[in-house]
Amino acid sequence: MFAEAWKNELPENHLIALDIAYSDFLDSYFHISPTDAGNVEQISDWLPTRHKDRYTSLFCHRFIICMSSVAERLAQTDRITPIPRCTAEALALHILIQQASTLLKDVRNTVADFSKFSDMAFRDTDFLDLYKTPKDTGRVNLDTKISLPNNLEFNDWFIPFDRDSRVNPFVYEDWETERAGLNFFR
């Protein structure tokens, strides 16, 4: 069963709902071709709206790898915590939980409770601030702008939180390759 390592924290219907949410997400994703930017909205509707104009087909390809990485960690018989290794993976797990909660509500008329699971699965929930609408301060002076912590800047979403907990190399090149500027094709 999907997410079997979490059976003490989640009822069976929650585990099944997570599996279905992942399948539904994949179904939406695979309708996107690399040249069909209009269908990117199928994925971007689940992500923070403040960056909606930055969700390209390449971004979606990388994001689906993050979603698959999260699902692969959930599928392990031994528990892996924290599950997300970067901000994009945290968003992916959050989306799975939200979709699973909706499925349980709509199909089973059950109120989902992923709180115990979430407390153990995420390293923190700072990424949820990305869903809040930012205050419009006009033009941003990049010289005085303070960077967001915990890889919350859009360009940092795929960077691992910890250099010893790597993410899929398609999502983010290893530290040495990145530093050397050897990323020829991505």
Protein backbone atom coordinates (compact mmCIF):
# COMPACT_ATOMS: atom_id res chain seq x y z
CA MET A 1 0.00 0.00 0.00
CA PHE A 2 1.15 3.55 -0.75
CA ALA A 3 2.68 5.36 2.26
CA GLU A 4 2.63 2.15 4.32
CA ALA A 5 5.42 3.45 6.56
CA TRP A 6 2.92 6.08 7.76
CA LYS A 7 0.09 3.67 8.63
CA ASN A 8 0.36 4.52 12.35
CA GLU A 9 -0.15 8.23 11.66
CA LEU A 10 -2.72 8.01 8.86
CA PRO A 11 -5.87 5.93 8.46
CA GLU A 12 -6.07 3.63 5.45
CA ASN A 13 -8.45 5.94 3.57
CA HIS A 14 -5.91 8.79 3.92
CA LEU A 15 -3.15 6.58 2.49
CA ILE A 16 -5.38 5.62 -0.44
CA ALA A 17 -6.36 9.27 -0.99
CA LEU A 18 -2.68 10.30 -1.16
CA ASP A 19 -2.09 7.63 -3.80
CA ILE A 20 -5.09 8.79 -5.85
CA ALA A 21 -4.03 12.44 -5.49
CA TYR A 22 -0.62 11.55 -6.93
CA SER A 23 -2.21 9.67 -9.84
CA ASP A 24 -4.54 12.59 -10.53
CA PHE A 25 -1.63 15.02 -10.51
CA LEU A 26 0.29 12.86 -12.99
CA ASP A 27 -2.76 12.64 -15.24
CA SER A 28 -2.97 16.44 -15.33
CA TYR A 29 0.73 16.79 -15.93
CA PHE A 30 1.02 14.38 -18.81
CA HIS A 31 -1.47 16.42 -20.82
CA ILE A 32 1.21 19.12 -21.08
CA SER A 33 3.53 18.97 -24.05
CA PRO A 34 6.86 20.80 -23.91
CA THR A 35 5.56 23.30 -26.48
CA ASP A 36 2.08 23.86 -25.05
CA ALA A 37 2.59 26.66 -22.55
CA GLY A 38 -1.17 27.26 -22.31
CA ASN A 39 -1.69 23.97 -20.50
CA VAL A 40 0.87 24.87 -17.84
CA GLU A 41 -2.09 26.31 -15.93
CA GLN A 42 -3.18 22.76 -15.11
CA ILE A 43 -0.17 22.52 -12.81
CA SER A 44 0.21 26.16 -11.83
CA ASP A 45 -3.30 26.35 -10.37
CA TRP A 46 -2.01 24.32 -7.40
CA LEU A 47 1.08 26.46 -6.84
CA PRO A 48 1.45 29.89 -5.21
CA THR A 49 -0.20 32.46 -7.49
CA ARG A 50 2.41 35.15 -6.86
CA HIS A 51 4.76 33.36 -9.30
CA LYS A 52 2.17 32.20 -11.83
CA ASP A 53 3.90 34.03 -14.69
CA ARG A 54 7.11 32.07 -13.97
CA TYR A 55 5.63 28.58 -14.26
CA THR A 56 6.93 27.46 -17.63
CA SER A 57 6.83 24.01 -19.18
CA LEU A 58 10.46 23.47 -18.02
CA PHE A 59 9.44 24.45 -14.49
CA CYS A 60 6.54 21.97 -14.68
CA HIS A 61 8.86 19.21 -15.87
CA ARG A 62 11.12 19.82 -12.88
CA PHE A 63 8.17 20.09 -10.53
CA ILE A 64 6.75 16.74 -11.63
CA ILE A 65 10.14 15.17 -10.85
CA CYS A 66 9.81 16.67 -7.35
CA MET A 67 6.28 15.28 -7.07
CA SER A 68 7.55 11.85 -8.15
CA SER A 69 10.47 12.04 -5.69
CA VAL A 70 8.05 12.78 -2.85
CA ALA A 71 5.79 9.91 -3.94
CA GLU A 72 8.79 7.58 -4.19
CA ARG A 73 9.79 8.42 -0.59
CA LEU A 74 6.21 7.84 0.54
CA ALA A 75 6.22 4.45 -1.17
CA GLN A 76 9.20 3.19 0.85
CA THR A 77 8.51 0.61 3.55
CA ASP A 78 10.87 2.45 5.90
CA ARG A 79 9.88 5.96 6.90
CA ILE A 80 11.95 8.78 5.42
CA THR A 81 11.74 12.10 7.23
CA PRO A 82 11.61 14.84 6.43
CA ILE A 83 10.08 13.85 3.12
CA PRO A 84 10.73 17.08 1.16
CA ARG A 85 14.36 17.91 0.42
CA CYS A 86 13.72 21.28 -1.23
CA THR A 87 10.98 23.91 -1.36
CA ALA A 88 9.51 22.51 -4.58
CA GLU A 89 9.20 19.09 -2.94
CA ALA A 90 7.54 20.69 0.11
CA LEU A 91 5.03 22.31 -2.24
CA ALA A 92 4.52 18.96 -3.98
CA LEU A 93 3.76 17.16 -0.70
CA HIS A 94 1.47 19.99 0.34
CA ILE A 95 -0.43 19.66 -2.94
CA LEU A 96 -0.78 15.90 -2.42
CA ILE A 97 -2.19 16.47 1.06
CA GLN A 98 -4.61 19.15 -0.17
CA GLN A 99 -5.81 16.96 -3.06
CA ALA A 100 -6.15 13.92 -0.78
CA SER A 101 -8.17 16.01 1.70
CA THR A 102 -10.48 17.15 -1.09
CA LEU A 103 -10.92 13.56 -2.31
CA LEU A 104 -11.80 12.35 1.17
CA LYS A 105 -14.30 15.16 1.61
CA ASP A 106 -15.93 14.82 -1.82
CA VAL A 107 -15.89 11.04 -2.24
CA ARG A 108 -16.02 9.68 1.32
CA ASN A 109 -17.62 12.66 3.08
CA THR A 110 -14.74 12.41 5.56
CA VAL A 111 -12.88 15.28 7.16
CA ALA A 112 -9.20 14.54 6.62
CA ASP A 113 -6.67 14.97 9.39
CA PHE A 114 -3.10 15.02 8.13
CA SER A 115 -1.81 17.10 11.06
CA LYS A 116 0.24 14.38 12.80
CA PHE A 117 1.64 13.23 9.46
CA SER A 118 2.48 16.83 8.44
CA ASP A 119 4.21 17.52 11.74
CA MET A 120 6.54 14.60 11.10
CA ALA A 121 6.84 14.77 7.30
CA PHE A 122 7.83 18.44 6.82
CA ARG A 123 10.99 19.97 8.23
CA ASP A 124 9.04 23.25 8.59
CA THR A 125 6.04 24.94 7.05
CA ASP A 126 7.66 28.23 6.04
CA PHE A 127 6.81 27.43 2.39
CA LEU A 128 3.11 28.01 3.18
CA ASP A 129 3.88 31.74 3.33
CA LEU A 130 4.33 31.58 -0.45
CA TYR A 131 0.56 31.09 -0.77
CA LYS A 132 -0.12 34.39 1.00
CA THR A 133 -0.63 37.36 -1.26
CA PRO A 134 2.34 39.71 -0.86
CA LYS A 135 1.79 43.36 -0.12
CA ASP A 136 2.20 45.45 -3.23
CA THR A 137 5.12 47.73 -2.47
CA GLY A 138 5.55 48.97 -6.02
CA ARG A 139 8.92 48.52 -7.65
CA VAL A 140 11.43 46.49 -5.71
CA ASN A 141 14.90 47.94 -5.26
CA LEU A 142 17.10 44.89 -5.82
CA ASP A 143 20.02 46.60 -4.06
CA THR A 144 18.12 46.75 -0.76
CA LYS A 145 15.95 43.65 -1.15
CA ILE A 146 16.38 41.12 1.64
CA SER A 147 16.38 37.52 0.43
CA LEU A 148 13.83 35.12 1.85
CA PRO A 149 15.14 32.35 4.16
CA ASN A 150 14.79 28.58 3.68
CA ASN A 151 15.03 28.58 -0.12
CA LEU A 152 11.75 30.47 -0.47
CA GLU A 153 13.02 32.67 -3.30
CA PHE A 154 11.59 31.33 -6.55
CA ASN A 155 15.03 30.67 -8.03
CA ASP A 156 15.94 28.57 -4.96
CA TRP A 157 12.93 26.24 -4.90
CA PHE A 158 14.86 23.30 -6.37
CA ILE A 159 18.03 23.76 -4.28
CA PRO A 160 18.34 21.09 -1.56
CA PHE A 161 17.88 22.27 2.01
CA ASP A 162 20.85 20.14 3.02
CA ARG A 163 23.78 19.35 0.75
CA ASP A 164 23.81 15.75 2.06
CA SER A 165 20.15 15.17 1.11
CA ARG A 166 20.27 15.43 -2.65
CA VAL A 167 17.39 15.92 -5.02
CA ASN A 168 17.00 14.39 -8.47
CA PRO A 169 19.82 15.70 -10.71
CA PHE A 170 17.33 16.78 -13.38
CA VAL A 171 15.85 19.17 -10.82
CA TYR A 172 19.13 20.54 -9.49
CA GLU A 173 22.70 19.77 -10.46
CA ASP A 174 25.04 18.70 -7.72
CA TRP A 175 26.82 21.42 -5.78
CA GLU A 176 30.16 21.03 -7.57
CA THR A 177 28.64 21.13 -11.07
CA GLU A 178 26.54 24.16 -10.17
CA ARG A 179 29.53 26.01 -8.73
CA ALA A 180 31.69 25.16 -11.76
CA GLY A 181 28.99 26.35 -14.16
CA LEU A 182 28.99 23.08 -16.10
CA ASN A 183 25.23 22.94 -16.56
CA PHE A 184 25.28 22.89 -20.37
CA PHE A 185 21.76 21.84 -21.26
CA ARG A 186 19.41 22.92 -18.46
